[in-house]
Amino acid sequence: MESTTTHPSFTLFDPNEVEEVISNKVEKRRTALFRMVFPENLPW
């Protein structure tokens, strides 16, 4: 079997990019929650 240290499968993604995508999802979820809790005073 070949060693995976030279070609890690995680090189497809930039860690910063992944983090950005995850925080984006969190933001959207938080926004959706906020809309449910405060439907009358929407700042957007």
C-alpha atoms as a PDB file:
ATOM      1  CA  MET A   1       0.000   0.000   0.000  1.00  0.00           C
ATOM      2  CA  GLU A   2       1.188   3.488  -0.787  1.00  0.00           C
ATOM      3  CA  SER A   3       1.805   6.034   1.908  1.00  0.00           C
ATOM      4  CA  THR A   4      -0.845   8.742   2.019  1.00  0.00           C
ATOM      5  CA  THR A   5       1.427  11.279   3.692  1.00  0.00           C
ATOM      6  CA  THR A   6       2.658  12.627   0.360  1.00  0.00           C
ATOM      7  CA  HIS A   7      -0.852  12.931  -1.100  1.00  0.00           C
ATOM      8  CA  PRO A   8      -3.361  13.600   1.642  1.00  0.00           C
ATOM      9  CA  SER A   9      -6.947  13.463   0.443  1.00  0.00           C
ATOM     10  CA  PHE A  10      -7.640  16.787   2.135  1.00  0.00           C
ATOM     11  CA  THR A  11      -5.583  18.806  -0.326  1.00  0.00           C
ATOM     12  CA  LEU A  12      -8.740  19.176  -2.436  1.00  0.00           C
ATOM     13  CA  PHE A  13     -10.012  21.720   0.042  1.00  0.00           C
ATOM     14  CA  ASP A  14      -8.410  24.817   1.412  1.00  0.00           C
ATOM     15  CA  PRO A  15      -9.015  24.674   5.194  1.00  0.00           C
ATOM     16  CA  ASN A  16      -9.916  28.357   5.193  1.00  0.00           C
ATOM     17  CA  GLU A  17     -12.454  27.780   2.440  1.00  0.00           C
ATOM     18  CA  VAL A  18     -14.021  24.912   4.330  1.00  0.00           C
ATOM     19  CA  GLU A  19     -14.201  27.025   7.459  1.00  0.00           C
ATOM     20  CA  GLU A  20     -15.842  29.821   5.486  1.00  0.00           C
ATOM     21  CA  VAL A  21     -18.467  27.474   4.077  1.00  0.00           C
ATOM     22  CA  ILE A  22     -19.224  26.072   7.521  1.00  0.00           C
ATOM     23  CA  SER A  23     -19.557  29.499   9.124  1.00  0.00           C
ATOM     24  CA  ASN A  24     -21.750  30.524   6.188  1.00  0.00           C
ATOM     25  CA  LYS A  25     -24.107  27.652   6.933  1.00  0.00           C
ATOM     26  CA  VAL A  26     -24.118  28.569  10.616  1.00  0.00           C
ATOM     27  CA  GLU A  27     -24.943  32.180   9.760  1.00  0.00           C
ATOM     28  CA  LYS A  28     -27.831  31.127   7.525  1.00  0.00           C
ATOM     29  CA  ARG A  29     -29.200  28.842  10.205  1.00  0.00           C
ATOM     30  CA  ARG A  30     -28.910  31.589  12.801  1.00  0.00           C
ATOM     31  CA  THR A  31     -30.668  34.003  10.476  1.00  0.00           C
ATOM     32  CA  ALA A  32     -33.480  31.508   9.911  1.00  0.00           C
ATOM     33  CA  LEU A  33     -33.838  31.039  13.659  1.00  0.00           C
ATOM     34  CA  PHE A  34     -33.881  34.778  14.205  1.00  0.00           C
ATOM     35  CA  ARG A  35     -36.608  35.145  11.592  1.00  0.00           C
ATOM     36  CA  MET A  36     -38.718  32.556  13.389  1.00  0.00           C
ATOM     37  CA  VAL A  37     -38.205  34.142  16.795  1.00  0.00           C
ATOM     38  CA  PHE A  38     -38.568  37.786  15.724  1.00  0.00           C
ATOM     39  CA  PRO A  39     -40.725  37.828  12.572  1.00  0.00           C
ATOM     40  CA  GLU A  40     -41.991  41.358  13.222  1.00  0.00           C
ATOM     41  CA  ASN A  41     -38.710  43.276  13.479  1.00  0.00           C
ATOM     42  CA  LEU A  42     -36.653  42.134  10.508  1.00  0.00           C
ATOM     43  CA  PRO A  43     -33.669  44.362   9.741  1.00  0.00           C
ATOM     44  CA  TRP A  44     -33.326  42.847   6.272  1.00  0.00           C
END
